[in-house]
């Protein structure tokens, strides 16, 4: 039964990753509910407005890279190794990095304008700084882990479509929250 074997393969590949994602998501919630994060949210107006958009876009931006690279692997357009000379791979990674950074800064600007429209006050420079730092750190980590897991899994016979999706979503949440906290601290030291 081809359908049953296919379903078994999907569960075999994805279930361990989903369980790890669940535990990591609980960790992200713990960080988000921590006193340190709460004080950062209270201290900087607009953080709570941009947080959901920031977390959502991590999965979106890097999920599209995952899909692009997974398709390229299946079609034999790229090899499962990081090769700086591979134009397709390099362009996909650079485009995702730029998209992640542009979206991060855009989220900061929108959050600031929503804050102002609601009668609040805040600093556009501070929000942009926080999002630029958090976006940069999350981009570096997301790209590194995504490409590594994608290529290593593919070399071991795992389907990237089953493996990397939950990882990208979880990494976006976990490290998005952690790097947002780090960015709040770092920008707070500068501004």
C-alpha atoms as a PDB file:
ATOM      1  CA  UNK A   1       0.000   0.000   0.000  1.00  0.00           C
ATOM      2  CA  UNK A   2       1.772   3.057  -1.294  1.00  0.00           C
ATOM      3  CA  UNK A   3      -0.455   5.548   0.569  1.00  0.00           C
ATOM      4  CA  UNK A   4       0.091   3.840   3.921  1.00  0.00           C
ATOM      5  CA  UNK A   5       3.859   3.612   3.375  1.00  0.00           C
ATOM      6  CA  UNK A   6       3.986   7.262   2.395  1.00  0.00           C
ATOM      7  CA  UNK A   7       2.056   8.310   5.509  1.00  0.00           C
ATOM      8  CA  UNK A   8       4.335   6.171   7.664  1.00  0.00           C
ATOM      9  CA  UNK A   9       7.396   7.836   6.131  1.00  0.00           C
ATOM     10  CA  UNK A  10       5.990  11.306   6.804  1.00  0.00           C
ATOM     11  CA  UNK A  11       5.280  10.458  10.437  1.00  0.00           C
ATOM     12  CA  UNK A  12       8.650   8.750  10.853  1.00  0.00           C
ATOM     13  CA  UNK A  13      10.464  11.837   9.542  1.00  0.00           C
ATOM     14  CA  UNK A  14       8.329  14.554  11.112  1.00  0.00           C
ATOM     15  CA  UNK A  15       7.115  13.245  14.478  1.00  0.00           C
ATOM     16  CA  UNK A  16      10.440  13.508  16.367  1.00  0.00           C
ATOM     17  CA  UNK A  17      10.945  17.025  14.993  1.00  0.00           C
ATOM     18  CA  UNK A  18       7.418  18.038  15.984  1.00  0.00           C
ATOM     19  CA  UNK A  19       7.972  16.755  19.535  1.00  0.00           C
ATOM     20  CA  UNK A  20      11.217  18.732  19.808  1.00  0.00           C
ATOM     21  CA  UNK A  21       9.384  21.757  18.380  1.00  0.00           C
ATOM     22  CA  UNK A  22       6.709  21.421  21.038  1.00  0.00           C
ATOM     23  CA  UNK A  23       9.267  21.422  23.842  1.00  0.00           C
ATOM     24  CA  UNK A  24      11.139  24.354  22.274  1.00  0.00           C
ATOM     25  CA  UNK A  25       7.868  26.277  21.891  1.00  0.00           C
ATOM     26  CA  UNK A  26       7.214  25.824  25.595  1.00  0.00           C
ATOM     27  CA  UNK A  27      10.704  27.203  26.243  1.00  0.00           C
ATOM     28  CA  UNK A  28       9.904  30.258  24.088  1.00  0.00           C
ATOM     29  CA  UNK A  29       6.738  30.799  26.113  1.00  0.00           C
ATOM     30  CA  UNK A  30       8.764  30.579  29.309  1.00  0.00           C
ATOM     31  CA  UNK A  31      11.205  33.212  28.045  1.00  0.00           C
ATOM     32  CA  UNK A  32       8.314  35.407  26.919  1.00  0.00           C
ATOM     33  CA  UNK A  33       6.693  35.141  30.345  1.00  0.00           C
ATOM     34  CA  UNK A  34       9.921  35.793  32.241  1.00  0.00           C
ATOM     35  CA  UNK A  35      10.357  38.847  34.414  1.00  0.00           C
ATOM     36  CA  UNK A  36      13.224  40.051  32.215  1.00  0.00           C
ATOM     37  CA  UNK A  37      11.062  39.979  29.093  1.00  0.00           C
ATOM     38  CA  UNK A  38       8.134  41.559  30.882  1.00  0.00           C
ATOM     39  CA  UNK A  39      10.283  44.430  32.098  1.00  0.00           C
ATOM     40  CA  UNK A  40      11.659  44.935  28.552  1.00  0.00           C
ATOM     41  CA  UNK A  41       8.133  44.993  27.158  1.00  0.00           C
ATOM     42  CA  UNK A  42       6.998  47.475  29.794  1.00  0.00           C
ATOM     43  CA  UNK A  43      10.051  49.682  29.387  1.00  0.00           C
ATOM     44  CA  UNK A  44       9.866  50.037  25.599  1.00  0.00           C
ATOM     45  CA  UNK A  45       6.533  51.115  24.146  1.00  0.00           C
ATOM     46  CA  UNK A  46       5.615  49.267  20.974  1.00  0.00           C
ATOM     47  CA  UNK A  47       7.385  45.964  21.669  1.00  0.00           C
ATOM     48  CA  UNK A  48       4.145  44.168  22.401  1.00  0.00           C
ATOM     49  CA  UNK A  49       2.680  45.506  19.151  1.00  0.00           C
ATOM     50  CA  UNK A  50       5.538  44.234  16.990  1.00  0.00           C
ATOM     51  CA  UNK A  51       6.160  40.901  18.742  1.00  0.00           C
ATOM     52  CA  UNK A  52       3.476  38.798  16.971  1.00  0.00           C
ATOM     53  CA  UNK A  53       4.402  40.159  13.536  1.00  0.00           C
ATOM     54  CA  UNK A  54       8.106  39.597  14.168  1.00  0.00           C
ATOM     55  CA  UNK A  55       7.573  35.985  15.209  1.00  0.00           C
ATOM     56  CA  UNK A  56       5.195  35.280  12.327  1.00  0.00           C
ATOM     57  CA  UNK A  57       7.543  36.645   9.693  1.00  0.00           C
ATOM     58  CA  UNK A  58      10.488  34.505  10.827  1.00  0.00           C
ATOM     59  CA  UNK A  59       8.628  31.373   9.750  1.00  0.00           C
ATOM     60  CA  UNK A  60       7.326  33.031   6.589  1.00  0.00           C
ATOM     61  CA  UNK A  61      10.602  34.425   5.298  1.00  0.00           C
ATOM     62  CA  UNK A  62      12.730  31.398   6.123  1.00  0.00           C
ATOM     63  CA  UNK A  63       9.955  28.922   5.354  1.00  0.00           C
ATOM     64  CA  UNK A  64       9.963  30.131   1.760  1.00  0.00           C
ATOM     65  CA  UNK A  65      13.730  29.577   1.638  1.00  0.00           C
ATOM     66  CA  UNK A  66      13.178  26.064   2.948  1.00  0.00           C
ATOM     67  CA  UNK A  67      10.647  25.387   0.204  1.00  0.00           C
ATOM     68  CA  UNK A  68      12.909  26.840  -2.477  1.00  0.00           C
ATOM     69  CA  UNK A  69      15.931  24.824  -1.378  1.00  0.00           C
ATOM     70  CA  UNK A  70      13.892  21.653  -0.830  1.00  0.00           C
ATOM     71  CA  UNK A  71      12.520  21.864  -4.378  1.00  0.00           C
ATOM     72  CA  UNK A  72      15.997  22.546  -5.748  1.00  0.00           C
ATOM     73  CA  UNK A  73      17.349  19.480  -3.929  1.00  0.00           C
ATOM     74  CA  UNK A  74      14.535  17.260  -5.236  1.00  0.00           C
ATOM     75  CA  UNK A  75      15.087  18.511  -8.780  1.00  0.00           C
ATOM     76  CA  UNK A  76      18.863  18.111  -8.572  1.00  0.00           C
ATOM     77  CA  UNK A  77      19.465  21.826  -9.138  1.00  0.00           C
ATOM     78  CA  UNK A  78      21.668  22.118  -6.038  1.00  0.00           C
ATOM     79  CA  UNK A  79      23.808  19.638  -4.141  1.00  0.00           C
ATOM     80  CA  UNK A  80      23.207  19.006  -0.414  1.00  0.00           C
ATOM     81  CA  UNK A  81      26.274  20.947   0.683  1.00  0.00           C
ATOM     82  CA  UNK A  82      26.978  24.627   1.193  1.00  0.00           C
ATOM     83  CA  UNK A  83      28.977  25.796  -1.776  1.00  0.00           C
ATOM     84  CA  UNK A  84      29.695  29.529  -1.955  1.00  0.00           C
ATOM     85  CA  UNK A  85      30.191  29.209  -5.710  1.00  0.00           C
ATOM     86  CA  UNK A  86      26.670  27.806  -6.197  1.00  0.00           C
ATOM     87  CA  UNK A  87      24.853  30.852  -7.572  1.00  0.00           C
ATOM     88  CA  UNK A  88      21.350  29.463  -6.944  1.00  0.00           C
ATOM     89  CA  UNK A  89      22.065  28.679  -3.320  1.00  0.00           C
ATOM     90  CA  UNK A  90      23.910  31.943  -2.697  1.00  0.00           C
ATOM     91  CA  UNK A  91      21.157  34.050  -4.279  1.00  0.00           C
ATOM     92  CA  UNK A  92      18.428  32.268  -2.309  1.00  0.00           C
ATOM     93  CA  UNK A  93      20.276  32.783   0.985  1.00  0.00           C
ATOM     94  CA  UNK A  94      21.080  36.446   0.283  1.00  0.00           C
ATOM     95  CA  UNK A  95      17.500  37.148  -0.797  1.00  0.00           C
ATOM     96  CA  UNK A  96      16.134  35.573   2.391  1.00  0.00           C
ATOM     97  CA  UNK A  97      18.557  37.554   4.534  1.00  0.00           C
ATOM     98  CA  UNK A  98      17.574  40.816   2.853  1.00  0.00           C
ATOM     99  CA  UNK A  99      13.866  39.960   3.087  1.00  0.00           C
ATOM    100  CA  UNK A 100      14.224  39.180   6.782  1.00  0.00           C
ATOM    101  CA  UNK A 101      15.989  42.466   7.485  1.00  0.00           C
ATOM    102  CA  UNK A 102      13.609  44.601   5.411  1.00  0.00           C
ATOM    103  CA  UNK A 103      10.567  42.975   7.011  1.00  0.00           C
ATOM    104  CA  UNK A 104      12.037  43.513  10.492  1.00  0.00           C
ATOM    105  CA  UNK A 105      12.569  47.232   9.939  1.00  0.00           C
ATOM    106  CA  UNK A 106       9.142  47.558   8.304  1.00  0.00           C
ATOM    107  CA  UNK A 107       7.518  45.903  11.332  1.00  0.00           C
ATOM    108  CA  UNK A 108       9.238  48.427  13.611  1.00  0.00           C
ATOM    109  CA  UNK A 109       7.939  51.356  11.542  1.00  0.00           C
ATOM    110  CA  UNK A 110       4.396  49.991  11.455  1.00  0.00           C
ATOM    111  CA  UNK A 111       4.459  49.288  15.200  1.00  0.00           C
ATOM    112  CA  UNK A 112       5.610  52.843  15.860  1.00  0.00           C
ATOM    113  CA  UNK A 113       2.817  54.336  13.744  1.00  0.00           C
ATOM    114  CA  UNK A 114       0.212  52.088  15.387  1.00  0.00           C
ATOM    115  CA  UNK A 115       1.544  53.181  18.765  1.00  0.00           C
ATOM    116  CA  UNK A 116       1.276  56.855  17.799  1.00  0.00           C
ATOM    117  CA  UNK A 117      -2.211  56.388  16.313  1.00  0.00           C
ATOM    118  CA  UNK A 118      -3.330  54.833  19.588  1.00  0.00           C
ATOM    119  CA  UNK A 119      -2.120  57.905  21.466  1.00  0.00           C
ATOM    120  CA  UNK A 120       1.089  56.387  22.794  1.00  0.00           C
ATOM    121  CA  UNK A 121       4.587  57.685  22.584  1.00  0.00           C
ATOM    122  CA  UNK A 122       7.779  55.895  21.770  1.00  0.00           C
ATOM    123  CA  UNK A 123      10.959  56.099  19.776  1.00  0.00           C
ATOM    124  CA  UNK A 124      11.039  55.053  16.133  1.00  0.00           C
ATOM    125  CA  UNK A 125      14.834  54.878  16.274  1.00  0.00           C
ATOM    126  CA  UNK A 126      14.682  52.592  19.305  1.00  0.00           C
ATOM    127  CA  UNK A 127      12.148  50.226  17.709  1.00  0.00           C
ATOM    128  CA  UNK A 128      14.059  50.123  14.416  1.00  0.00           C
ATOM    129  CA  UNK A 129      17.304  49.461  16.305  1.00  0.00           C
ATOM    130  CA  UNK A 130      15.746  46.634  18.295  1.00  0.00           C
ATOM    131  CA  UNK A 131      14.217  45.048  15.221  1.00  0.00           C
ATOM    132  CA  UNK A 132      17.408  45.427  13.173  1.00  0.00           C
ATOM    133  CA  UNK A 133      19.461  43.686  15.867  1.00  0.00           C
ATOM    134  CA  UNK A 134      16.853  40.966  16.474  1.00  0.00           C
ATOM    135  CA  UNK A 135      16.318  40.513  12.727  1.00  0.00           C
ATOM    136  CA  UNK A 136      20.063  40.239  12.049  1.00  0.00           C
ATOM    137  CA  UNK A 137      20.716  37.748  14.848  1.00  0.00           C
ATOM    138  CA  UNK A 138      17.719  35.613  13.970  1.00  0.00           C
ATOM    139  CA  UNK A 139      18.646  35.691  10.265  1.00  0.00           C
ATOM    140  CA  UNK A 140      22.156  34.420  10.926  1.00  0.00           C
ATOM    141  CA  UNK A 141      20.935  31.623  13.170  1.00  0.00           C
ATOM    142  CA  UNK A 142      17.916  30.687  11.044  1.00  0.00           C
ATOM    143  CA  UNK A 143      19.936  30.538   7.840  1.00  0.00           C
ATOM    144  CA  UNK A 144      22.727  28.491   9.430  1.00  0.00           C
ATOM    145  CA  UNK A 145      20.449  25.966  11.098  1.00  0.00           C
ATOM    146  CA  UNK A 146      17.986  25.748   8.213  1.00  0.00           C
ATOM    147  CA  UNK A 147      20.652  25.023   5.615  1.00  0.00           C
ATOM    148  CA  UNK A 148      22.487  22.593   7.902  1.00  0.00           C
ATOM    149  CA  UNK A 149      19.366  20.608   8.835  1.00  0.00           C
ATOM    150  CA  UNK A 150      18.106  20.652   5.258  1.00  0.00           C
ATOM    151  CA  UNK A 151      21.338  19.336   3.768  1.00  0.00           C
ATOM    152  CA  UNK A 152      22.190  16.853   6.531  1.00  0.00           C
ATOM    153  CA  UNK A 153      18.651  15.470   6.560  1.00  0.00           C
ATOM    154  CA  UNK A 154      18.600  15.168   2.775  1.00  0.00           C
ATOM    155  CA  UNK A 155      21.950  13.337   2.762  1.00  0.00           C
ATOM    156  CA  UNK A 156      20.489  10.887   5.307  1.00  0.00           C
ATOM    157  CA  UNK A 157      17.458  10.184   3.134  1.00  0.00           C
ATOM    158  CA  UNK A 158      14.959  12.389   4.982  1.00  0.00           C
ATOM    159  CA  UNK A 159      12.484  14.462   3.022  1.00  0.00           C
ATOM    160  CA  UNK A 160      13.197  18.175   3.639  1.00  0.00           C
ATOM    161  CA  UNK A 161       9.491  18.964   3.300  1.00  0.00           C
ATOM    162  CA  UNK A 162       8.713  16.812   6.361  1.00  0.00           C
ATOM    163  CA  UNK A 163      11.734  17.747   8.403  1.00  0.00           C
ATOM    164  CA  UNK A 164      12.499  21.437   8.126  1.00  0.00           C
ATOM    165  CA  UNK A 165       9.033  23.059   8.326  1.00  0.00           C
ATOM    166  CA  UNK A 166       8.518  22.486  12.063  1.00  0.00           C
ATOM    167  CA  UNK A 167      12.145  23.390  12.741  1.00  0.00           C
ATOM    168  CA  UNK A 168      11.863  26.741  10.949  1.00  0.00           C
ATOM    169  CA  UNK A 169       8.659  27.632  12.764  1.00  0.00           C
ATOM    170  CA  UNK A 170      10.063  26.664  16.152  1.00  0.00           C
ATOM    171  CA  UNK A 171      13.406  28.377  15.623  1.00  0.00           C
ATOM    172  CA  UNK A 172      11.582  31.508  14.534  1.00  0.00           C
ATOM    173  CA  UNK A 173       9.579  31.511  17.758  1.00  0.00           C
ATOM    174  CA  UNK A 174      12.295  30.459  20.192  1.00  0.00           C
ATOM    175  CA  UNK A 175      15.137  32.546  18.876  1.00  0.00           C
ATOM    176  CA  UNK A 176      12.853  35.363  17.810  1.00  0.00           C
ATOM    177  CA  UNK A 177      11.848  35.821  21.449  1.00  0.00           C
ATOM    178  CA  UNK A 178      15.400  35.347  22.758  1.00  0.00           C
ATOM    179  CA  UNK A 179      16.961  37.698  20.205  1.00  0.00           C
ATOM    180  CA  UNK A 180      14.247  40.285  20.776  1.00  0.00           C
ATOM    181  CA  UNK A 181      15.200  40.237  24.462  1.00  0.00           C
ATOM    182  CA  UNK A 182      18.896  40.509  23.578  1.00  0.00           C
ATOM    183  CA  UNK A 183      18.133  43.386  21.190  1.00  0.00           C
ATOM    184  CA  UNK A 184      16.116  45.228  23.842  1.00  0.00           C
ATOM    185  CA  UNK A 185      19.098  44.977  26.168  1.00  0.00           C
ATOM    186  CA  UNK A 186      21.725  45.950  23.556  1.00  0.00           C
ATOM    187  CA  UNK A 187      19.775  48.898  22.142  1.00  0.00           C
ATOM    188  CA  UNK A 188      19.003  49.983  25.702  1.00  0.00           C
ATOM    189  CA  UNK A 189      22.765  50.237  26.326  1.00  0.00           C
ATOM    190  CA  UNK A 190      23.265  52.394  23.230  1.00  0.00           C
ATOM    191  CA  UNK A 191      20.213  54.669  23.306  1.00  0.00           C
END
